[in-house]
Amino acid sequence: MQWTDERVKTLKKLWEEGKSARQIAEVLGNGLTRNAIIGKANRMGLRTPASRAKAAGNPETQTTGSQGCQWPTGHPGTAEFHFCGAPREHGRPYCTPHCTVAYRRLGGNESGGN
C-alpha cells in the first residue's frame, strides 16, 4: 500500500477528529490494519488522545510518567480515557491493586483443589 498525499491527509484529519485507528483503517481500506495506522501516525508525530487532552489542559485525563501506573481506564479516543497514574510497583508497569488483576502465579492452584 502506498501512502499518497491524499491518504496521509485523510489519516491526519480523522486522527485529529478522534477516530480510532481501527476506524481510520476501515475508511482508508486497501487491507490497512489498525497497527499500520498507529505506526504511520507515530512516524508523522501525531499526538495520542491522552497527549491531546493534556495539551488542551484537560485535568481529567491523566498521563503516566515513569512512576505512574499504566493501567488504562475507559475507551481510547474518548475524553474519559486515562491511565491510573498511581505509584507503580518496582519493576512493573502497574500499581499494587492493578498488579493483582494483571498477574497470576504460575503453577498455582487458586481454588485449593487437586
N, C-alpha and C. Protein backbone atom coordinates (compact mmCIF):
# COMPACT_ATOMS: atom_id res chain seq x y z
N MET A 1 0.84 -1.18 0.00
CA MET A 1 0.00 0.00 0.00
C MET A 1 0.88 1.24 0.00
N GLN A 2 0.55 2.16 -0.82
CA GLN A 2 1.29 3.41 -0.96
C GLN A 2 0.63 4.50 -0.13
N TRP A 3 1.42 5.22 0.64
CA TRP A 3 0.90 6.36 1.41
C TRP A 3 0.93 7.59 0.51
N THR A 4 -0.17 7.84 -0.18
CA THR A 4 -0.28 9.02 -1.03
C THR A 4 -0.55 10.25 -0.16
N ASP A 5 -0.36 11.41 -0.76
CA ASP A 5 -0.64 12.65 -0.02
C ASP A 5 -2.09 12.69 0.45
N GLU A 6 -2.99 12.21 -0.39
CA GLU A 6 -4.42 12.20 -0.04
C GLU A 6 -4.71 11.27 1.14
N ARG A 7 -4.09 10.08 1.15
CA ARG A 7 -4.27 9.13 2.26
C ARG A 7 -3.71 9.71 3.56
N VAL A 8 -2.55 10.35 3.49
CA VAL A 8 -1.93 10.95 4.67
C VAL A 8 -2.83 12.07 5.19
N LYS A 9 -3.37 12.87 4.30
CA LYS A 9 -4.26 13.97 4.68
C LYS A 9 -5.51 13.42 5.37
N THR A 10 -6.08 12.34 4.82
CA THR A 10 -7.27 11.73 5.41
C THR A 10 -6.95 11.15 6.78
N LEU A 11 -5.83 10.44 6.89
CA LEU A 11 -5.42 9.88 8.18
C LEU A 11 -5.32 10.99 9.22
N LYS A 12 -4.63 12.07 8.88
CA LYS A 12 -4.43 13.17 9.81
C LYS A 12 -5.76 13.79 10.24
N LYS A 13 -6.65 14.00 9.29
CA LYS A 13 -7.96 14.60 9.57
C LYS A 13 -8.76 13.72 10.53
N LEU A 14 -8.84 12.42 10.21
CA LEU A 14 -9.61 11.50 11.04
C LEU A 14 -8.99 11.32 12.43
N TRP A 15 -7.67 11.27 12.48
CA TRP A 15 -6.96 11.14 13.76
C TRP A 15 -7.28 12.34 14.66
N GLU A 16 -7.22 13.54 14.07
CA GLU A 16 -7.48 14.75 14.84
C GLU A 16 -8.95 14.87 15.26
N GLU A 17 -9.83 14.19 14.53
CA GLU A 17 -11.25 14.15 14.91
C GLU A 17 -11.48 13.16 16.05
N GLY A 18 -10.45 12.40 16.40
CA GLY A 18 -10.57 11.45 17.50
C GLY A 18 -11.02 10.06 17.09
N LYS A 19 -11.00 9.78 15.78
CA LYS A 19 -11.36 8.45 15.31
C LYS A 19 -10.31 7.44 15.77
N SER A 20 -10.75 6.21 16.01
CA SER A 20 -9.80 5.17 16.42
C SER A 20 -8.99 4.72 15.21
N ALA A 21 -7.85 4.09 15.49
CA ALA A 21 -7.00 3.58 14.41
C ALA A 21 -7.77 2.56 13.58
N ARG A 22 -8.60 1.75 14.22
CA ARG A 22 -9.40 0.76 13.51
C ARG A 22 -10.40 1.44 12.56
N GLN A 23 -11.04 2.50 13.04
CA GLN A 23 -11.99 3.24 12.20
C GLN A 23 -11.28 3.86 11.00
N ILE A 24 -10.11 4.41 11.23
CA ILE A 24 -9.35 5.03 10.14
C ILE A 24 -8.94 3.98 9.13
N ALA A 25 -8.52 2.81 9.59
CA ALA A 25 -8.13 1.72 8.69
C ALA A 25 -9.31 1.30 7.82
N GLU A 26 -10.49 1.26 8.40
CA GLU A 26 -11.69 0.90 7.62
C GLU A 26 -11.99 1.94 6.54
N VAL A 27 -11.83 3.22 6.88
CA VAL A 27 -12.08 4.29 5.90
C VAL A 27 -11.06 4.23 4.77
N LEU A 28 -9.80 4.06 5.10
CA LEU A 28 -8.74 4.05 4.09
C LEU A 28 -8.73 2.76 3.27
N GLY A 29 -9.21 1.67 3.87
CA GLY A 29 -9.33 0.40 3.13
C GLY A 29 -8.00 -0.16 2.66
N ASN A 30 -8.04 -0.88 1.53
CA ASN A 30 -6.85 -1.50 0.93
C ASN A 30 -6.12 -2.45 1.86
N GLY A 31 -6.85 -3.08 2.79
CA GLY A 31 -6.22 -4.04 3.69
C GLY A 31 -5.40 -3.42 4.80
N LEU A 32 -5.51 -2.12 4.99
CA LEU A 32 -4.76 -1.47 6.08
C LEU A 32 -5.24 -1.99 7.42
N THR A 33 -4.29 -2.17 8.34
CA THR A 33 -4.63 -2.63 9.67
C THR A 33 -4.55 -1.48 10.66
N ARG A 34 -5.11 -1.72 11.82
CA ARG A 34 -5.03 -0.77 12.92
C ARG A 34 -3.56 -0.46 13.23
N ASN A 35 -2.72 -1.49 13.24
CA ASN A 35 -1.31 -1.29 13.56
C ASN A 35 -0.60 -0.45 12.50
N ALA A 36 -0.97 -0.60 11.24
CA ALA A 36 -0.38 0.21 10.18
C ALA A 36 -0.72 1.69 10.39
N ILE A 37 -1.95 1.95 10.80
CA ILE A 37 -2.38 3.33 11.06
C ILE A 37 -1.61 3.91 12.25
N ILE A 38 -1.51 3.13 13.32
CA ILE A 38 -0.79 3.60 14.50
C ILE A 38 0.67 3.89 14.17
N GLY A 39 1.30 2.99 13.41
CA GLY A 39 2.70 3.20 13.02
C GLY A 39 2.88 4.46 12.20
N LYS A 40 2.01 4.67 11.23
CA LYS A 40 2.12 5.86 10.38
C LYS A 40 1.87 7.12 11.21
N ALA A 41 0.87 7.07 12.09
CA ALA A 41 0.57 8.24 12.94
C ALA A 41 1.76 8.57 13.83
N ASN A 42 2.41 7.54 14.36
CA ASN A 42 3.60 7.77 15.19
C ASN A 42 4.73 8.39 14.38
N ARG A 43 4.95 7.88 13.18
CA ARG A 43 6.01 8.44 12.33
C ARG A 43 5.71 9.88 11.92
N MET A 44 4.41 10.20 11.83
CA MET A 44 4.01 11.56 11.48
C MET A 44 4.05 12.49 12.71
N GLY A 45 4.24 11.92 13.89
CA GLY A 45 4.28 12.73 15.10
C GLY A 45 2.91 13.16 15.60
N LEU A 46 1.86 12.44 15.19
CA LEU A 46 0.52 12.79 15.66
C LEU A 46 0.38 12.42 17.12
N ARG A 47 -0.34 13.23 17.87
CA ARG A 47 -0.50 13.00 19.30
C ARG A 47 -1.58 11.97 19.57
N THR A 48 -1.38 11.22 20.66
CA THR A 48 -2.39 10.28 21.11
C THR A 48 -3.52 11.05 21.77
N PRO A 49 -4.69 10.43 21.95
CA PRO A 49 -5.79 11.14 22.62
C PRO A 49 -5.40 11.69 23.99
N ALA A 50 -4.64 10.92 24.77
CA ALA A 50 -4.24 11.38 26.10
C ALA A 50 -3.33 12.60 26.02
N SER A 51 -2.38 12.59 25.07
CA SER A 51 -1.48 13.74 24.97
C SER A 51 -2.19 14.96 24.40
N ARG A 52 -3.21 14.73 23.53
CA ARG A 52 -4.01 15.87 23.03
C ARG A 52 -4.77 16.51 24.18
N ALA A 53 -5.35 15.68 25.05
CA ALA A 53 -6.13 16.21 26.17
C ALA A 53 -5.22 16.95 27.14
N LYS A 54 -4.03 16.43 27.39
CA LYS A 54 -3.09 17.09 28.28
C LYS A 54 -2.68 18.45 27.72
N ALA A 55 -2.41 18.49 26.41
CA ALA A 55 -2.02 19.74 25.76
C ALA A 55 -3.16 20.76 25.82
N ALA A 56 -4.40 20.25 25.80
CA ALA A 56 -5.56 21.14 25.87
C ALA A 56 -5.88 21.57 27.29
N GLY A 57 -5.13 21.03 28.25
CA GLY A 57 -5.34 21.41 29.65
C GLY A 57 -6.47 20.66 30.31
N ASN A 58 -6.82 19.45 29.84
CA ASN A 58 -7.88 18.67 30.43
C ASN A 58 -7.37 17.98 31.69
N PRO A 59 -7.78 18.44 32.88
CA PRO A 59 -7.27 17.84 34.11
C PRO A 59 -7.82 16.45 34.37
N GLU A 60 -8.88 16.07 33.69
CA GLU A 60 -9.49 14.76 33.90
C GLU A 60 -8.66 13.63 33.30
N THR A 61 -7.84 13.94 32.34
CA THR A 61 -7.04 12.89 31.68
C THR A 61 -5.67 12.87 32.30
N GLN A 62 -5.32 11.73 32.89
CA GLN A 62 -4.01 11.59 33.49
C GLN A 62 -3.11 10.87 32.51
N THR A 63 -1.90 11.35 32.38
CA THR A 63 -0.91 10.62 31.59
C THR A 63 0.12 10.07 32.55
N THR A 64 0.78 9.02 32.16
CA THR A 64 1.71 8.39 33.07
C THR A 64 3.12 8.82 32.77
N GLY A 65 3.86 9.10 33.81
CA GLY A 65 5.28 9.35 33.69
C GLY A 65 5.99 8.04 33.99
N SER A 66 7.25 8.11 34.28
CA SER A 66 7.99 6.88 34.55
C SER A 66 7.54 6.23 35.85
N GLN A 67 6.84 6.96 36.73
CA GLN A 67 6.42 6.41 38.01
C GLN A 67 4.95 6.04 38.06
N GLY A 68 4.14 6.43 37.08
CA GLY A 68 2.71 6.22 37.16
C GLY A 68 2.24 4.88 36.61
N CYS A 69 1.22 4.33 37.28
CA CYS A 69 0.59 3.09 36.84
C CYS A 69 0.03 3.27 35.43
N GLN A 70 0.28 2.30 34.58
CA GLN A 70 -0.13 2.39 33.18
C GLN A 70 -1.42 1.63 32.89
N TRP A 71 -2.21 1.31 33.91
CA TRP A 71 -3.46 0.60 33.71
C TRP A 71 -4.45 1.52 33.02
N PRO A 72 -4.94 1.14 31.82
CA PRO A 72 -5.86 2.02 31.09
C PRO A 72 -7.28 1.92 31.65
N THR A 73 -7.96 3.03 31.64
CA THR A 73 -9.34 3.10 32.10
C THR A 73 -10.16 3.85 31.05
N GLY A 74 -11.30 3.32 30.69
CA GLY A 74 -12.14 3.95 29.69
C GLY A 74 -11.77 3.51 28.29
N HIS A 75 -12.38 4.12 27.31
CA HIS A 75 -12.19 3.76 25.91
C HIS A 75 -11.25 4.76 25.25
N PRO A 76 -10.14 4.28 24.62
CA PRO A 76 -9.23 5.21 23.93
C PRO A 76 -9.99 6.06 22.91
N GLY A 77 -9.62 7.30 22.82
CA GLY A 77 -10.24 8.21 21.88
C GLY A 77 -11.38 9.01 22.49
N THR A 78 -11.74 8.69 23.75
CA THR A 78 -12.79 9.46 24.41
C THR A 78 -12.16 10.34 25.48
N ALA A 79 -12.89 11.34 25.90
CA ALA A 79 -12.38 12.26 26.91
C ALA A 79 -12.21 11.57 28.27
N GLU A 80 -12.94 10.49 28.49
CA GLU A 80 -12.86 9.78 29.77
C GLU A 80 -11.66 8.85 29.86
N PHE A 81 -11.00 8.57 28.73
CA PHE A 81 -9.87 7.65 28.73
C PHE A 81 -8.70 8.24 29.50
N HIS A 82 -8.12 7.42 30.39
CA HIS A 82 -6.94 7.85 31.15
C HIS A 82 -6.21 6.62 31.68
N PHE A 83 -5.05 6.85 32.27
CA PHE A 83 -4.30 5.80 32.92
C PHE A 83 -4.40 6.03 34.42
N CYS A 84 -4.30 4.96 35.19
CA CYS A 84 -4.44 5.04 36.65
C CYS A 84 -3.55 6.13 37.23
N GLY A 85 -2.24 6.06 36.95
CA GLY A 85 -1.32 7.10 37.41
C GLY A 85 -0.83 6.94 38.84
N ALA A 86 -1.34 5.94 39.60
CA ALA A 86 -0.87 5.71 40.97
C ALA A 86 0.58 5.22 40.93
N PRO A 87 1.29 5.30 42.05
CA PRO A 87 2.67 4.80 42.08
C PRO A 87 2.74 3.32 41.69
N ARG A 88 3.70 3.00 40.83
CA ARG A 88 3.86 1.63 40.34
C ARG A 88 4.64 0.78 41.32
N GLU A 89 4.43 -0.55 41.20
CA GLU A 89 5.29 -1.48 41.90
C GLU A 89 6.65 -1.45 41.22
N HIS A 90 7.70 -1.64 42.00
CA HIS A 90 9.05 -1.61 41.44
C HIS A 90 9.19 -2.66 40.32
N GLY A 91 9.63 -2.23 39.15
CA GLY A 91 9.87 -3.13 38.03
C GLY A 91 8.63 -3.56 37.29
N ARG A 92 7.49 -3.00 37.62
CA ARG A 92 6.23 -3.37 36.96
C ARG A 92 5.54 -2.10 36.46
N PRO A 93 4.69 -2.26 35.44
CA PRO A 93 4.03 -1.07 34.88
C PRO A 93 2.79 -0.64 35.65
N TYR A 94 2.35 -1.45 36.65
CA TYR A 94 1.09 -1.17 37.34
C TYR A 94 1.28 -0.97 38.84
N CYS A 95 0.29 -0.34 39.46
CA CYS A 95 0.25 -0.20 40.91
C CYS A 95 -0.12 -1.56 41.52
N THR A 96 -0.02 -1.68 42.85
CA THR A 96 -0.29 -2.96 43.52
C THR A 96 -1.69 -3.49 43.22
N PRO A 97 -2.76 -2.69 43.35
CA PRO A 97 -4.09 -3.25 43.05
C PRO A 97 -4.22 -3.75 41.61
N HIS A 98 -3.64 -3.03 40.65
CA HIS A 98 -3.75 -3.48 39.26
C HIS A 98 -2.84 -4.67 38.97
N CYS A 99 -1.72 -4.80 39.70
CA CYS A 99 -0.87 -5.98 39.55
C CYS A 99 -1.62 -7.24 39.97
N THR A 100 -2.47 -7.11 41.01
CA THR A 100 -3.22 -8.29 41.45
C THR A 100 -4.21 -8.76 40.38
N VAL A 101 -4.66 -7.86 39.54
CA VAL A 101 -5.55 -8.23 38.44
C VAL A 101 -4.75 -8.75 37.24
N ALA A 102 -3.61 -8.12 36.98
CA ALA A 102 -2.84 -8.42 35.77
C ALA A 102 -1.99 -9.68 35.86
N TYR A 103 -1.52 -10.03 37.05
CA TYR A 103 -0.58 -11.14 37.18
C TYR A 103 -1.14 -12.25 38.05
N ARG A 104 -0.83 -13.49 37.65
CA ARG A 104 -1.18 -14.67 38.44
C ARG A 104 0.07 -15.49 38.62
N ARG A 105 0.13 -16.24 39.70
CA ARG A 105 1.28 -17.11 39.93
C ARG A 105 1.23 -18.29 38.99
N LEU A 106 2.37 -18.64 38.43
CA LEU A 106 2.46 -19.79 37.54
C LEU A 106 2.38 -21.07 38.36
N GLY A 107 1.58 -22.03 37.87
CA GLY A 107 1.51 -23.32 38.52
C GLY A 107 0.70 -23.32 39.79
N GLY A 108 0.20 -22.19 40.21
CA GLY A 108 -0.59 -22.13 41.44
C GLY A 108 -2.01 -22.61 41.18
N ASN A 109 -2.59 -23.19 42.18
CA ASN A 109 -3.98 -23.63 42.09
C ASN A 109 -4.79 -22.78 43.05
N GLU A 110 -5.43 -21.77 42.53
CA GLU A 110 -6.10 -20.81 43.37
C GLU A 110 -7.36 -21.35 44.02
N SER A 111 -7.94 -22.43 43.45
CA SER A 111 -9.16 -22.98 44.01
C SER A 111 -8.90 -23.89 45.19
N GLY A 112 -7.66 -24.32 45.39
CA GLY A 112 -7.30 -25.16 46.51
C GLY A 112 -7.50 -26.64 46.26
N GLY A 113 -8.08 -27.02 45.14
CA GLY A 113 -8.31 -28.42 44.82
C GLY A 113 -7.13 -29.02 44.11
N ASN A 114 -7.16 -30.35 43.93
CA ASN A 114 -6.13 -31.14 43.24
C ASN A 114 -4.83 -31.04 43.96
